[in-house]
Amino acid sequence: MMKKATIRKSGIYTIDLTKIDGDGAFPCPKCGVIISPDDETEEVYQIVETKVKGDDLAEIILRCNKCGSTIRLVGFLQQSIEG
């Protein structure tokens, strides 16, 4: 019965969007699959949660569908301040 309780542990990674150049696409820190904001199919990743501060997007939490890693996207607030 303990085998059912065992959950495959995958990493939790944080990506700061202010450090990404280009169109916002980046490789998964664990498996390297390209995660693109233009991909709306949910084949590569799924949005698990969005966090908002006031009226501004603060963080998005994604799950990589290839390796199961959790990826926190941060840096939205800095972009809205600069923009």
C-alpha atoms as a PDB file:
ATOM      1  CA  MET A   1       0.000   0.000   0.000  1.00  0.00           C
ATOM      2  CA  MET A   2       2.895   2.420   0.552  1.00  0.00           C
ATOM      3  CA  LYS A   3       3.727   2.358  -3.158  1.00  0.00           C
ATOM      4  CA  LYS A   4       0.469   4.176  -3.957  1.00  0.00           C
ATOM      5  CA  ALA A   5       1.406   6.935  -1.511  1.00  0.00           C
ATOM      6  CA  THR A   6       4.772   7.479  -3.186  1.00  0.00           C
ATOM      7  CA  ILE A   7       4.605  10.441  -5.532  1.00  0.00           C
ATOM      8  CA  ARG A   8       7.215  11.055  -8.170  1.00  0.00           C
ATOM      9  CA  LYS A   9       9.020  14.138  -6.955  1.00  0.00           C
ATOM     10  CA  SER A  10       9.755  16.739  -9.548  1.00  0.00           C
ATOM     11  CA  GLY A  11      11.594  19.991  -9.152  1.00  0.00           C
ATOM     12  CA  ILE A  12      10.225  23.440  -8.512  1.00  0.00           C
ATOM     13  CA  TYR A  13      12.041  26.091 -10.500  1.00  0.00           C
ATOM     14  CA  THR A  14      11.759  29.879 -10.624  1.00  0.00           C
ATOM     15  CA  ILE A  15      12.208  31.791 -13.878  1.00  0.00           C
ATOM     16  CA  ASP A  16      12.601  35.572 -13.699  1.00  0.00           C
ATOM     17  CA  LEU A  17      11.072  36.994 -16.867  1.00  0.00           C
ATOM     18  CA  THR A  18      13.194  40.138 -16.591  1.00  0.00           C
ATOM     19  CA  LYS A  19      16.230  37.943 -17.359  1.00  0.00           C
ATOM     20  CA  ILE A  20      14.784  36.430 -20.573  1.00  0.00           C
ATOM     21  CA  ASP A  21      15.597  37.970 -23.943  1.00  0.00           C
ATOM     22  CA  GLY A  22      13.459  37.624 -27.037  1.00  0.00           C
ATOM     23  CA  ASP A  23       9.818  36.591 -27.242  1.00  0.00           C
ATOM     24  CA  GLY A  24       9.561  35.149 -23.723  1.00  0.00           C
ATOM     25  CA  ALA A  25      10.170  31.503 -24.666  1.00  0.00           C
ATOM     26  CA  PHE A  26      12.533  29.555 -22.400  1.00  0.00           C
ATOM     27  CA  PRO A  27      13.656  25.953 -21.916  1.00  0.00           C
ATOM     28  CA  CYS A  28      12.289  23.897 -19.027  1.00  0.00           C
ATOM     29  CA  PRO A  29      15.069  23.937 -16.409  1.00  0.00           C
ATOM     30  CA  LYS A  30      14.843  20.155 -15.992  1.00  0.00           C
ATOM     31  CA  CYS A  31      14.120  18.592 -19.411  1.00  0.00           C
ATOM     32  CA  GLY A  32      14.872  21.447 -21.830  1.00  0.00           C
ATOM     33  CA  VAL A  33      11.572  21.434 -23.748  1.00  0.00           C
ATOM     34  CA  ILE A  34      10.826  24.949 -25.043  1.00  0.00           C
ATOM     35  CA  ILE A  35       8.003  26.689 -23.180  1.00  0.00           C
ATOM     36  CA  SER A  36       6.568  29.537 -25.222  1.00  0.00           C
ATOM     37  CA  PRO A  37       3.939  32.100 -24.210  1.00  0.00           C
ATOM     38  CA  ASP A  38       2.548  31.755 -27.753  1.00  0.00           C
ATOM     39  CA  ASP A  39       1.690  28.063 -27.225  1.00  0.00           C
ATOM     40  CA  GLU A  40      -1.989  27.906 -26.292  1.00  0.00           C
ATOM     41  CA  THR A  41      -2.422  24.153 -26.890  1.00  0.00           C
ATOM     42  CA  GLU A  42      -1.357  22.953 -23.403  1.00  0.00           C
ATOM     43  CA  GLU A  43       0.639  20.181 -25.096  1.00  0.00           C
ATOM     44  CA  VAL A  44       3.953  21.352 -23.601  1.00  0.00           C
ATOM     45  CA  TYR A  45       2.813  22.971 -20.348  1.00  0.00           C
ATOM     46  CA  GLN A  46      -0.259  23.785 -18.302  1.00  0.00           C
ATOM     47  CA  ILE A  47      -0.972  26.872 -16.233  1.00  0.00           C
ATOM     48  CA  VAL A  48      -1.586  25.669 -12.681  1.00  0.00           C
ATOM     49  CA  GLU A  49      -2.150  28.982 -10.907  1.00  0.00           C
ATOM     50  CA  THR A  50      -1.955  32.723 -11.431  1.00  0.00           C
ATOM     51  CA  LYS A  51      -1.238  35.158  -8.611  1.00  0.00           C
ATOM     52  CA  VAL A  52      -2.300  38.790  -8.728  1.00  0.00           C
ATOM     53  CA  LYS A  53      -1.273  41.740  -6.530  1.00  0.00           C
ATOM     54  CA  GLY A  54      -3.876  44.465  -6.733  1.00  0.00           C
ATOM     55  CA  ASP A  55      -4.644  44.732 -10.446  1.00  0.00           C
ATOM     56  CA  ASP A  56      -1.227  43.454 -11.594  1.00  0.00           C
ATOM     57  CA  LEU A  57      -0.146  39.931 -12.489  1.00  0.00           C
ATOM     58  CA  ALA A  58       2.539  38.910  -9.996  1.00  0.00           C
ATOM     59  CA  GLU A  59       3.289  35.263 -10.764  1.00  0.00           C
ATOM     60  CA  ILE A  60       2.245  32.332 -12.949  1.00  0.00           C
ATOM     61  CA  ILE A  61       2.835  28.743 -11.912  1.00  0.00           C
ATOM     62  CA  LEU A  62       3.212  26.249 -14.771  1.00  0.00           C
ATOM     63  CA  ARG A  63       3.643  22.488 -14.946  1.00  0.00           C
ATOM     64  CA  CYS A  64       5.830  21.021 -17.694  1.00  0.00           C
ATOM     65  CA  ASN A  65       3.886  18.199 -19.346  1.00  0.00           C
ATOM     66  CA  LYS A  66       7.076  16.408 -20.423  1.00  0.00           C
ATOM     67  CA  CYS A  67       8.833  16.023 -17.056  1.00  0.00           C
ATOM     68  CA  GLY A  68       6.251  17.218 -14.510  1.00  0.00           C
ATOM     69  CA  SER A  69       8.388  20.052 -13.141  1.00  0.00           C
ATOM     70  CA  THR A  70       6.705  23.033 -11.537  1.00  0.00           C
ATOM     71  CA  ILE A  71       7.904  26.385 -12.868  1.00  0.00           C
ATOM     72  CA  ARG A  72       7.198  29.710 -11.176  1.00  0.00           C
ATOM     73  CA  LEU A  73       7.296  32.664 -13.566  1.00  0.00           C
ATOM     74  CA  VAL A  74       8.086  35.901 -11.763  1.00  0.00           C
ATOM     75  CA  GLY A  75       9.071  39.392 -12.893  1.00  0.00           C
ATOM     76  CA  PHE A  76       5.701  40.609 -14.141  1.00  0.00           C
ATOM     77  CA  LEU A  77       5.498  43.443 -11.604  1.00  0.00           C
ATOM     78  CA  GLN A  78       8.895  44.839 -12.615  1.00  0.00           C
ATOM     79  CA  GLN A  79       7.812  44.815 -16.281  1.00  0.00           C
ATOM     80  CA  SER A  80       4.580  46.693 -15.569  1.00  0.00           C
ATOM     81  CA  ILE A  81       6.482  49.332 -13.561  1.00  0.00           C
ATOM     82  CA  GLU A  82       8.984  49.851 -16.395  1.00  0.00           C
ATOM     83  CA  GLY A  83       6.301  49.808 -19.124  1.00  0.00           C
END
